[in-house]
Amino acid sequence: MSEQTVAYRYAKSLFEMAKEKNVTEEVHKDMQLILNVCQHNNDLNTVLKNPIIKGYKKKVILEKIFGGKVQTITQETFHLLSEKSREGILKSLCQEWIAMYEEGKGILRAQITTATPIDEITKQQVQQKLEQQLKKTIILEAKQDEQLIGGFLLRINDIQIDNSIISSLQRLKYTFTK
């Protein structure tokens, strides 16, 4: 079974328990904190994925890092992961949790890539237009890729709208070669 599948199952169970105990907002903050630490600390990821290091040691490490900073239900998840030797999926579990939470709240993440930096006003206008069209709350991330030459590339989940000049040139080249 893939790591993402296992992480989804653990995240779903944790999500249901958090809803039962009415602590979804608090656990969401925990998941954001843990994900942030995992994304910025490669040593932690290496330790958690290392099969040579015993589970109880990994549990102690997690408790020292996050003890007193996270909810009891989150700490219990550390214990469960340790018992099942699944500490290595912690980062994926957090990503799955956040995706479930955002889906439940009607939040979509989108990414717009442009050849030149996009100003804040334009970013807000794009975000508002997407929110009107999709009837969801949009979290828009702006990136820059000079290879696009001009135009934009918009990604929302699995949907991609490619209105870049480089893609137009490639389509034109393909048409001429036919």
Protein backbone atom coordinates (compact mmCIF):
# COMPACT_ATOMS: atom_id res chain seq x y z
CA MET A 1 0.00 0.00 0.00
CA SER A 2 1.36 3.43 -0.91
CA GLU A 3 2.36 5.96 1.71
CA GLN A 4 -0.31 8.37 0.54
CA THR A 5 -3.05 5.72 0.86
CA VAL A 6 -1.96 4.83 4.39
CA ALA A 7 -1.62 8.50 5.33
CA TYR A 8 -5.13 9.17 3.98
CA ARG A 9 -6.58 6.42 6.16
CA TYR A 10 -4.88 7.70 9.31
CA ALA A 11 -5.84 11.29 8.48
CA LYS A 12 -9.45 10.30 7.89
CA SER A 13 -9.63 8.51 11.25
CA LEU A 14 -8.03 11.47 13.01
CA PHE A 15 -10.39 13.84 11.23
CA GLU A 16 -13.45 11.86 12.34
CA MET A 17 -12.21 11.71 15.94
CA ALA A 18 -11.49 15.44 15.93
CA LYS A 19 -15.01 16.14 14.66
CA GLU A 20 -16.46 13.90 17.38
CA LYS A 21 -14.50 15.74 20.07
CA ASN A 22 -15.19 19.12 18.43
CA VAL A 23 -11.50 20.05 18.14
CA THR A 24 -11.07 20.23 14.35
CA GLU A 25 -9.81 23.82 14.41
CA GLU A 26 -7.21 23.03 17.07
CA VAL A 27 -6.03 19.85 15.34
CA HIS A 28 -5.88 21.76 12.04
CA LYS A 29 -3.44 24.19 13.67
CA ASP A 30 -1.46 21.20 14.94
CA MET A 31 -1.29 19.70 11.44
CA GLN A 32 -0.11 23.01 9.99
CA LEU A 33 2.58 23.28 12.67
CA ILE A 34 3.78 19.70 12.18
CA LEU A 35 3.76 20.02 8.38
CA ASN A 36 5.73 23.26 8.59
CA VAL A 37 8.34 21.61 10.83
CA CYS A 38 8.53 18.54 8.54
CA GLN A 39 8.91 20.72 5.43
CA HIS A 40 11.74 22.75 6.92
CA ASN A 41 13.59 20.01 8.79
CA ASN A 42 14.99 17.26 6.59
CA ASP A 43 16.74 15.66 9.56
CA LEU A 44 13.38 15.01 11.24
CA ASN A 45 12.01 13.41 8.07
CA THR A 46 15.11 11.25 7.78
CA VAL A 47 14.81 10.08 11.38
CA LEU A 48 11.09 9.33 11.05
CA LYS A 49 11.60 7.29 7.89
CA ASN A 50 14.68 5.44 9.16
CA PRO A 51 13.72 1.81 9.90
CA ILE A 52 16.82 1.27 12.08
CA ILE A 53 15.69 3.82 14.69
CA LYS A 54 13.21 2.23 17.09
CA GLY A 55 9.63 3.49 17.22
CA TYR A 56 9.76 4.45 20.88
CA LYS A 57 12.75 6.72 20.17
CA LYS A 58 10.86 8.40 17.34
CA LYS A 59 7.87 8.87 19.65
CA VAL A 60 10.13 10.50 22.25
CA ILE A 61 11.57 12.81 19.58
CA LEU A 62 8.08 13.84 18.47
CA GLU A 63 7.00 14.42 22.07
CA LYS A 64 10.05 16.58 22.76
CA ILE A 65 9.48 18.66 19.64
CA PHE A 66 5.69 19.01 19.88
CA GLY A 67 4.94 18.25 23.56
CA GLY A 68 2.72 20.93 25.04
CA LYS A 69 2.28 22.56 21.64
CA VAL A 70 -0.30 20.17 20.19
CA GLN A 71 -3.64 18.73 21.26
CA THR A 72 -3.89 15.47 23.19
CA ILE A 73 -5.58 13.81 20.22
CA THR A 74 -2.56 14.73 18.07
CA GLN A 75 -0.16 13.29 20.64
CA GLU A 76 -2.25 10.11 20.70
CA THR A 77 -1.76 9.92 16.95
CA PHE A 78 2.02 9.98 17.52
CA HIS A 79 1.60 7.00 19.86
CA LEU A 80 -0.52 5.14 17.32
CA LEU A 81 1.96 5.80 14.51
CA SER A 82 4.75 4.59 16.78
CA GLU A 83 2.90 1.39 17.72
CA LYS A 84 2.25 0.61 14.05
CA SER A 85 5.77 1.65 12.89
CA ARG A 86 4.26 4.32 10.65
CA GLU A 87 6.11 7.41 11.87
CA GLY A 88 7.46 7.97 8.36
CA ILE A 89 4.02 8.96 7.07
CA LEU A 90 3.64 11.90 9.46
CA LYS A 91 4.27 14.55 6.81
CA SER A 92 1.86 12.88 4.36
CA LEU A 93 -0.72 12.46 7.12
CA CYS A 94 -0.59 16.20 7.79
CA GLN A 95 -0.97 16.99 4.08
CA GLU A 96 -3.97 14.65 3.82
CA TRP A 97 -5.54 16.12 6.96
CA ILE A 98 -5.19 19.68 5.65
CA ALA A 99 -6.69 18.66 2.30
CA MET A 100 -9.70 17.09 4.08
CA TYR A 101 -10.12 20.12 6.30
CA GLU A 102 -9.97 22.55 3.38
CA GLU A 103 -12.37 20.48 1.32
CA GLY A 104 -14.83 20.47 4.22
CA LYS A 105 -14.53 24.25 4.55
CA GLY A 106 -14.94 24.85 0.80
CA ILE A 107 -11.37 26.02 0.32
CA LEU A 108 -9.45 25.41 -2.90
CA ARG A 109 -5.75 25.99 -3.47
CA ALA A 110 -4.75 27.48 -6.79
CA GLN A 111 -1.42 28.37 -8.29
CA ILE A 112 -0.84 30.99 -10.95
CA THR A 113 2.49 31.06 -12.74
CA THR A 114 3.51 34.05 -14.84
CA ALA A 115 6.64 35.08 -16.74
CA THR A 116 7.01 38.26 -14.69
CA PRO A 117 6.18 38.83 -11.03
CA ILE A 118 2.47 39.40 -10.47
CA ASP A 119 1.53 42.40 -8.31
CA GLU A 120 -0.72 42.02 -5.28
CA ILE A 121 -3.67 43.86 -6.86
CA THR A 122 -3.72 41.57 -9.90
CA LYS A 123 -3.36 38.53 -7.67
CA GLN A 124 -6.36 39.66 -5.61
CA GLN A 125 -8.39 40.29 -8.78
CA VAL A 126 -7.64 36.79 -10.07
CA GLN A 127 -8.48 35.33 -6.67
CA GLN A 128 -11.81 37.20 -6.52
CA LYS A 129 -12.71 36.14 -10.08
CA LEU A 130 -11.98 32.50 -9.26
CA GLU A 131 -14.03 32.72 -6.06
CA GLN A 132 -16.97 34.14 -8.02
CA GLN A 133 -16.72 31.46 -10.71
CA LEU A 134 -16.16 28.48 -8.42
CA LYS A 135 -18.21 29.62 -5.41
CA LYS A 136 -15.35 28.54 -3.11
CA THR A 137 -12.74 30.27 -1.03
CA ILE A 138 -9.51 30.36 -3.01
CA ILE A 139 -5.99 30.43 -1.63
CA LEU A 140 -3.92 31.67 -4.54
CA GLU A 141 -0.17 31.19 -4.72
CA ALA A 142 1.76 33.20 -7.30
CA LYS A 143 4.94 31.89 -8.91
CA GLN A 144 7.25 33.15 -11.60
CA ASP A 145 8.70 31.18 -14.50
CA GLU A 146 10.48 33.21 -17.16
CA GLN A 147 10.27 30.30 -19.61
CA LEU A 148 6.57 31.04 -20.12
CA ILE A 149 7.62 34.21 -22.02
CA GLY A 150 4.18 35.75 -21.32
CA GLY A 151 0.64 34.82 -20.36
CA PHE A 152 -0.10 32.55 -17.43
CA LEU A 153 -0.48 29.00 -16.22
CA LEU A 154 -3.28 28.41 -13.71
CA ARG A 155 -3.60 25.21 -11.66
CA ILE A 156 -6.53 24.31 -9.44
CA ASN A 157 -6.28 20.76 -8.11
CA ASP A 158 -6.11 18.57 -11.22
CA ILE A 159 -7.24 21.29 -13.62
CA GLN A 160 -4.67 23.26 -15.56
CA ILE A 161 -5.34 26.27 -17.78
CA ASP A 162 -2.31 27.01 -19.90
CA ASN A 163 -2.54 30.41 -21.55
CA SER A 164 1.21 30.96 -21.85
CA ILE A 165 2.99 32.19 -24.92
CA ILE A 166 5.43 29.27 -24.87
CA SER A 167 2.55 26.80 -25.07
CA SER A 168 0.93 28.80 -27.86
CA LEU A 169 4.22 28.72 -29.77
CA GLN A 170 4.53 24.97 -29.23
CA ARG A 171 0.97 24.40 -30.48
CA LEU A 172 1.67 26.59 -33.50
CA LYS A 173 4.88 24.66 -34.22
CA TYR A 174 2.98 21.36 -33.94
CA THR A 175 0.30 22.65 -36.32
CA PHE A 176 2.91 23.72 -38.91
CA THR A 177 4.72 20.39 -38.74
CA LYS A 178 1.44 18.58 -39.52
